[in-house]
C-alpha atoms as a PDB file:
ATOM      1  CA  MET A   1       0.234   0.109  -0.076  1.00  0.00           C
ATOM      2  CA  ARG A   2       2.007   3.065  -1.217  1.00  0.00           C
ATOM      3  CA  PRO A   3      -0.880   5.744  -1.865  1.00  0.00           C
ATOM      4  CA  PHE A   4       1.493   8.553  -2.726  1.00  0.00           C
ATOM      5  CA  GLU A   5       4.050   6.962  -4.657  1.00  0.00           C
ATOM      6  CA  ASP A   6       1.071   5.385  -7.050  1.00  0.00           C
ATOM      7  CA  ALA A   7      -0.668   8.836  -7.004  1.00  0.00           C
ATOM      8  CA  LEU A   8       2.163  10.517  -8.045  1.00  0.00           C
ATOM      9  CA  LYS A   9       3.583   7.867 -11.001  1.00  0.00           C
ATOM     10  CA  GLN A  10      -0.451   8.367 -12.050  1.00  0.00           C
ATOM     11  CA  GLN A  11       0.164  11.933 -12.997  1.00  0.00           C
ATOM     12  CA  GLY A  12       3.431  11.807 -13.582  1.00  0.00           C
ATOM     13  CA  VAL A  13       4.615  14.304 -10.903  1.00  0.00           C
ATOM     14  CA  SER A  14       7.781  13.462  -8.742  1.00  0.00           C
ATOM     15  CA  PRO A  15       7.485  17.141  -6.793  1.00  0.00           C
ATOM     16  CA  PRO A  16      10.654  17.658  -4.915  1.00  0.00           C
ATOM     17  CA  LEU A  17      11.030  16.232  -1.246  1.00  0.00           C
ATOM     18  CA  PRO A  18      12.779  18.241   1.552  1.00  0.00           C
ATOM     19  CA  ASP A  19      15.716  16.043   2.761  1.00  0.00           C
ATOM     20  CA  ARG A  20      15.124  15.810   6.407  1.00  0.00           C
ATOM     21  CA  GLY A  21      18.076  14.288   7.280  1.00  0.00           C
ATOM     22  CA  GLY A  22      18.398  11.268   9.630  1.00  0.00           C
ATOM     23  CA  GLY A  23      17.133   8.610   7.340  1.00  0.00           C
ATOM     24  CA  SER A  24      18.905   7.431   3.916  1.00  0.00           C
ATOM     25  CA  PRO A  25      17.347   6.549   0.845  1.00  0.00           C
ATOM     26  CA  THR A  26      15.683   3.436   0.033  1.00  0.00           C
ATOM     27  CA  PRO A  27      18.156   0.737  -1.487  1.00  0.00           C
ATOM     28  CA  PRO A  28      17.263  -0.115  -5.544  1.00  0.00           C
ATOM     29  CA  GLY A  29      14.808  -3.260  -4.856  1.00  0.00           C
ATOM     30  CA  SER A  30      13.436  -2.485  -1.485  1.00  0.00           C
ATOM     31  CA  SER A  31      10.004  -2.852  -1.101  1.00  0.00           C
ATOM     32  CA  SER A  32       9.521  -0.222   1.757  1.00  0.00           C
ATOM     33  CA  PRO A  33      10.746   3.139   2.264  1.00  0.00           C
ATOM     34  CA  PRO A  34      12.641   3.358   6.092  1.00  0.00           C
ATOM     35  CA  PRO A  35      11.491   5.164   8.797  1.00  0.00           C
ATOM     36  CA  PRO A  36      10.961   8.477   9.090  1.00  0.00           C
ATOM     37  CA  PRO A  37      13.745   9.614  11.281  1.00  0.00           C
ATOM     38  CA  ALA A  38      12.978   8.891  15.408  1.00  0.00           C
ATOM     39  CA  THR A  39      12.873  12.391  16.546  1.00  0.00           C
ATOM     40  CA  ALA A  40      10.237  13.133  13.989  1.00  0.00           C
ATOM     41  CA  SER A  41       8.388  10.455  14.927  1.00  0.00           C
ATOM     42  CA  SER A  42       7.980  10.629  18.480  1.00  0.00           C
ATOM     43  CA  SER A  43       7.208  14.787  18.572  1.00  0.00           C
ATOM     44  CA  MET A  44       4.728  13.330  16.438  1.00  0.00           C
ATOM     45  CA  GLU A  45       3.728  11.316  18.681  1.00  0.00           C
ATOM     46  CA  GLU A  46       3.490  13.444  21.280  1.00  0.00           C
ATOM     47  CA  ALA A  47       1.037  16.077  19.333  1.00  0.00           C
ATOM     48  CA  LEU A  48      -1.340  12.835  18.930  1.00  0.00           C
ATOM     49  CA  ARG A  49      -1.156  11.705  22.053  1.00  0.00           C
ATOM     50  CA  ARG A  50      -3.553  15.348  22.778  1.00  0.00           C
ATOM     51  CA  GLU A  51      -6.166  14.203  20.024  1.00  0.00           C
ATOM     52  CA  ARG A  52      -8.970  12.194  21.171  1.00  0.00           C
ATOM     53  CA  TRP A  53      -9.412  10.850  17.361  1.00  0.00           C
ATOM     54  CA  TYR A  54      -5.630   9.165  17.748  1.00  0.00           C
ATOM     55  CA  HIS A  55      -6.155   5.558  19.508  1.00  0.00           C
ATOM     56  CA  GLY A  56      -1.916   4.877  19.424  1.00  0.00           C
ATOM     57  CA  LYS A  57      -1.118   1.024  17.555  1.00  0.00           C
ATOM     58  CA  MET A  58      -3.771  -0.847  15.997  1.00  0.00           C
ATOM     59  CA  SER A  59      -4.004  -3.088  13.635  1.00  0.00           C
ATOM     60  CA  ARG A  60      -6.377  -2.402  10.619  1.00  0.00           C
ATOM     61  CA  HIS A  61      -8.874  -4.807  11.788  1.00  0.00           C
ATOM     62  CA  ASP A  62      -9.551  -3.415  15.386  1.00  0.00           C
ATOM     63  CA  ALA A  63      -9.610   0.139  14.192  1.00  0.00           C
ATOM     64  CA  GLU A  64     -12.326  -0.914  11.520  1.00  0.00           C
ATOM     65  CA  GLN A  65     -14.605  -2.315  14.280  1.00  0.00           C
ATOM     66  CA  LEU A  66     -14.541   0.939  15.579  1.00  0.00           C
ATOM     67  CA  LEU A  67     -16.240   2.701  12.680  1.00  0.00           C
ATOM     68  CA  GLN A  68     -20.442   2.755  12.754  1.00  0.00           C
ATOM     69  CA  GLU A  69     -21.328   5.387   9.830  1.00  0.00           C
ATOM     70  CA  ASP A  70     -20.119   6.557   7.187  1.00  0.00           C
ATOM     71  CA  GLY A  71     -17.252   9.886   7.831  1.00  0.00           C
ATOM     72  CA  ASP A  72     -16.785   8.261  10.801  1.00  0.00           C
ATOM     73  CA  PHE A  73     -12.736   7.772  11.381  1.00  0.00           C
ATOM     74  CA  LEU A  74      -9.296   7.343  13.694  1.00  0.00           C
ATOM     75  CA  VAL A  75      -6.164   8.122  13.372  1.00  0.00           C
ATOM     76  CA  ARG A  76      -3.705   4.691  14.002  1.00  0.00           C
ATOM     77  CA  GLU A  77       0.064   4.510  14.417  1.00  0.00           C
ATOM     78  CA  SER A  78       0.809   1.252  12.331  1.00  0.00           C
ATOM     79  CA  MET A  79       0.914  -2.085  13.550  1.00  0.00           C
ATOM     80  CA  THR A  80       3.528  -2.798  10.688  1.00  0.00           C
ATOM     81  CA  SER A  81       5.519   0.337   9.762  1.00  0.00           C
ATOM     82  CA  ARG A  82       7.028   1.835  12.337  1.00  0.00           C
ATOM     83  CA  GLY A  83       6.508   5.477  12.668  1.00  0.00           C
ATOM     84  CA  GLN A  84       3.773   5.582  10.289  1.00  0.00           C
ATOM     85  CA  TYR A  85       0.225   6.986  10.818  1.00  0.00           C
ATOM     86  CA  VAL A  86      -2.803   5.711   8.859  1.00  0.00           C
ATOM     87  CA  LEU A  87      -6.340   7.464   9.069  1.00  0.00           C
ATOM     88  CA  THR A  88      -8.651   4.690   9.270  1.00  0.00           C
ATOM     89  CA  GLY A  89     -12.668   5.884   8.126  1.00  0.00           C
ATOM     90  CA  LEU A  90     -15.778   4.604   6.888  1.00  0.00           C
ATOM     91  CA  GLN A  91     -16.868   6.080   3.444  1.00  0.00           C
ATOM     92  CA  GLN A  92     -19.839   3.945   1.739  1.00  0.00           C
ATOM     93  CA  GLN A  93     -20.059   1.094   4.565  1.00  0.00           C
ATOM     94  CA  HIS A  94     -15.600   0.306   3.336  1.00  0.00           C
ATOM     95  CA  GLY A  95     -13.019   0.373   5.537  1.00  0.00           C
ATOM     96  CA  LYS A  96     -10.234   2.943   4.005  1.00  0.00           C
ATOM     97  CA  HIS A  97      -7.104   2.893   5.300  1.00  0.00           C
ATOM     98  CA  LEU A  98      -4.575   6.282   4.055  1.00  0.00           C
ATOM     99  CA  LEU A  99      -1.412   6.419   4.949  1.00  0.00           C
ATOM    100  CA  LEU A 100      -0.801   9.950   5.961  1.00  0.00           C
ATOM    101  CA  VAL A 101       2.987  10.243   6.531  1.00  0.00           C
ATOM    102  CA  ASP A 102       5.525   9.697   2.720  1.00  0.00           C
ATOM    103  CA  PRO A 103       9.091   8.182   3.227  1.00  0.00           C
ATOM    104  CA  HIS A 104      10.622  11.159   3.625  1.00  0.00           C
ATOM    105  CA  GLY A 105       8.382  12.624   7.194  1.00  0.00           C
ATOM    106  CA  VAL A 106       6.348  14.141   5.319  1.00  0.00           C
ATOM    107  CA  VAL A 107       2.471  14.670   6.394  1.00  0.00           C
ATOM    108  CA  ARG A 108       0.646  15.073   2.891  1.00  0.00           C
ATOM    109  CA  THR A 109      -2.141  13.389   0.954  1.00  0.00           C
ATOM    110  CA  LYS A 110      -2.230  13.662  -2.715  1.00  0.00           C
ATOM    111  CA  ASP A 111      -1.789  16.859  -3.280  1.00  0.00           C
ATOM    112  CA  ARG A 112      -1.414  18.959   0.135  1.00  0.00           C
ATOM    113  CA  ARG A 113       1.306  18.426   2.502  1.00  0.00           C
ATOM    114  CA  PHE A 114       0.459  19.692   5.613  1.00  0.00           C
ATOM    115  CA  ASP A 115       2.840  20.570   8.950  1.00  0.00           C
ATOM    116  CA  SER A 116       0.891  18.014  11.327  1.00  0.00           C
ATOM    117  CA  VAL A 117      -1.495  15.463  11.159  1.00  0.00           C
ATOM    118  CA  SER A 118      -3.247  17.831  13.257  1.00  0.00           C
ATOM    119  CA  HIS A 119      -3.414  20.201  10.844  1.00  0.00           C
ATOM    120  CA  LEU A 120      -4.370  17.481   7.782  1.00  0.00           C
ATOM    121  CA  ILE A 121      -7.399  16.654   9.883  1.00  0.00           C
ATOM    122  CA  GLY A 122      -7.941  19.753  10.850  1.00  0.00           C
ATOM    123  CA  TYR A 123      -8.037  21.626   7.368  1.00  0.00           C
ATOM    124  CA  HIS A 124     -10.018  18.957   6.053  1.00  0.00           C
ATOM    125  CA  ARG A 125     -13.164  18.574   8.803  1.00  0.00           C
ATOM    126  CA  ASP A 126     -13.440  22.397   8.509  1.00  0.00           C
ATOM    127  CA  ASN A 127     -13.291  22.943   5.566  1.00  0.00           C
ATOM    128  CA  GLN A 128     -15.359  19.509   4.207  1.00  0.00           C
ATOM    129  CA  LEU A 129     -13.759  18.577   2.082  1.00  0.00           C
ATOM    130  CA  PRO A 130     -12.754  14.822   1.399  1.00  0.00           C
ATOM    131  CA  ILE A 131      -9.052  13.523   1.194  1.00  0.00           C
ATOM    132  CA  ILE A 132      -8.097  11.841  -2.127  1.00  0.00           C
ATOM    133  CA  SER A 133      -5.171   9.228  -2.006  1.00  0.00           C
ATOM    134  CA  ALA A 134      -4.523   6.804  -4.264  1.00  0.00           C
ATOM    135  CA  GLY A 135      -7.771   6.585  -6.025  1.00  0.00           C
ATOM    136  CA  SER A 136      -9.195   6.926  -2.380  1.00  0.00           C
ATOM    137  CA  GLU A 137     -11.744   9.279  -1.317  1.00  0.00           C
ATOM    138  CA  LEU A 138     -11.890   9.435   2.490  1.00  0.00           C
ATOM    139  CA  SER A 139     -14.659  12.132   4.029  1.00  0.00           C
ATOM    140  CA  LEU A 140     -14.388  12.863   7.504  1.00  0.00           C
ATOM    141  CA  LYS A 141     -17.068  13.781   9.807  1.00  0.00           C
ATOM    142  CA  GLN A 142     -17.213  12.000  13.248  1.00  0.00           C
ATOM    143  CA  PRO A 143     -14.098  10.985  14.701  1.00  0.00           C
ATOM    144  CA  VAL A 144     -14.193   7.976  16.883  1.00  0.00           C
ATOM    145  CA  GLU A 145     -13.033   9.277  20.448  1.00  0.00           C
ATOM    146  CA  ARG A 146     -10.596   6.427  22.033  1.00  0.00           C
ATOM    147  CA  GLN A 147     -11.842   5.533  25.607  1.00  0.00           C
ATOM    148  CA  THR A 148      -9.788   7.351  29.020  1.00  0.00           C
END
């Protein structure tokens, strides 16, 4: 699942991304990109913990079990990719899982970069815009809050 690369390939676009340092380029033939630098991941994690819609490490299956109506969403840390955050939402009664951080540690959607995951979520909710990523579209209507 590589929505950013796939979407850019479909458009024939390869925008330059800033070097965040601390990471190494993906070796040729490698199937998974390097994780974001540890400092970026830990500061992102700290900011996300303040958000009620952030659930921490959670599997796709467990996340989908919390969604009930179209537009329900949550953000979780991937169980399989260290430092990767996933927006899980329900669209047309199907669970959608969109990666939020590109291989360079940049929070982005198909056509826009954001300062943080919280900024991405707030922007799309406030403007009532669906998130479009690699052919998937997800509207954010109701956050699923974590239990304290």
